[in-house]
Amino acid sequence: MSGNSTSSIFKAYDIRGLVDTEISPDFAFRTGLGFARFLEIEREPGTVVIGEDMRPSSPLLAEAFSAGVTSNGMDVVRIGLASTDMLYFASGKLNMPGAMFTASHNPAQYNGIKLCKSGARPIGKESGLLAIERFVTDGSPIPMRSVGQESNRDLLDEYVDHLVSLVDVGSIRRLKIVVDAGNGMAGFTARPVFDRLNVDLIEMYFELDGTFPNHEANPLDTKNVRDLQKAVKKHNADIGLAFDGDADRCFLIDENGEVVNPSTLTGLIAERELIRHPKSTIIYNLISSRAVAEIVEERGGTAVRSRVGHSYIKKLMADTKAVFGGEHSGHFYFRDFWCADSGMLAALHAVAALGNQPKPLSKILKNYQRYFSSGEINSTVADAAALLVAIESSYAGKESITIDHLDGLTVSSENWWFNLRASNTEPLLRLNVEARTQARLARVTKEVLNHLM
């Protein structure tokens, strides 16, 4: 496989591509071999923990990857079916590097690999993926040494034990919860978790099916939560929870069937963590609502702004000793979870906040909803870099306008801000706008989009 053909598979934070044509057992074997070589150079522990999601191709790919790792003399612990955060739990608890076979929310024809060092430390393009890609492209010679051993271990109960130990859910009032697993891995993990709680659980699409027969397992797209919205209202439920394919992201639906902005959940969890850990640091990514930083500062914490992407947030959490981090995409990171993201742990925080007082969810969340947002708007462009320069020049020098380049272009004023970022893989510019009023939001959004036409 040439370097050009792997460059589209090795993404900024993981490996992902089409099954058979891009992600094949041969590719998985060579990636396992290359990963083992990388771990040896990094002086990582000599055992790799491997998990897999419900996609039909995942077991065969995980088996081939394991063969590549053991061919390099390292051992493997297979944990079988797992959510991505369960793999991170295994990596953290066992202090082993890990590999998770999943394509997250991508359609059925895709698969991929999320890799981490021991202690669930992230591996992205800037922290190892480029080296692993080079080993896959150039080849990794199999050393003359004994082949490593493969074993199996069931960690589901220990994973659940750890999650419920981190959130006070022992005294919540009786709640009715609808969970849409999207035929993804939450169908494997949610029941054991919620069986520990004082809740009536209504299950939607819990059958593990990597062909996603009901809808894509991507709650960020509003069409994929419509069934859940209807179910919450039909059953008069207190809350609805939607998970993506590998269950590392969680989205909320309130009792009225309304989608909760992920920044609102970030603010809620940040406040809860600051009660437990006063004056702590909270990380938020730069397309999160401005309300997040305001809430953190009001509660006596320190808010630190991050680039978009899990490897950046995890590193920043480690560097600042932050207690919690939130991304507007529905990823939530916890110091008590090895700074890794867990959709289920975020869900438990939401359930605890709701169940430990009498108000409905919509009333609880009012204080965290201070602005109006556009959501992410993608525009196909011929020259993203030139457009960013042109748009910046149109705002530069204006009174009360600040500009920064932490991640793409962010232009801010007292009552609004917007961020434009170029896609890593497509000729797209991604626009996010927030404003204090709906009218101002509409004006700023239209103004920026006019530049892109």
Foldseek 3Di string as FASTA:
>chain_A
DALVLQVLQAFFFWGKDFEPVRQDLVLLLLLLLLVLVLCVVVVADQEEEEEEKLQPCTVSSRVSSQQNNQLQVGEYEYQYHAFPLVQLLCLQVVQAKYKYWAPWQDARRMITIFTATRLRAGDGPVRPSVSSSCCSNVDDDRDPDHGYYYYYDHCLVVVLVLLPVVFPQPDFDEFEEEEEALLASCLVRVVVNCVVHNYHYHYHNSHNDSNSPPDGLQVLPVVVCPVVLVVLQVVLGLKYWGAIRSQLFIWIAGSNSHTDQQLLLLQLVLLVVCVVPPQFEEEEEPLRDPLSCVSQVVRNYHYDYAHDDLNGQLVVCVVRVGQKYGYRSGWIAGVSSSRHTGNVSSVSSLSSVPRVDPDGSVVVSPSSDQKDKDRKDKDQADDPVVLLVVVCVVCPPDPQWDWDPNAAIWIDHPFKIKHWHADPNHRIIIIMIMGRDPVVRVVVVVVSVVSRD
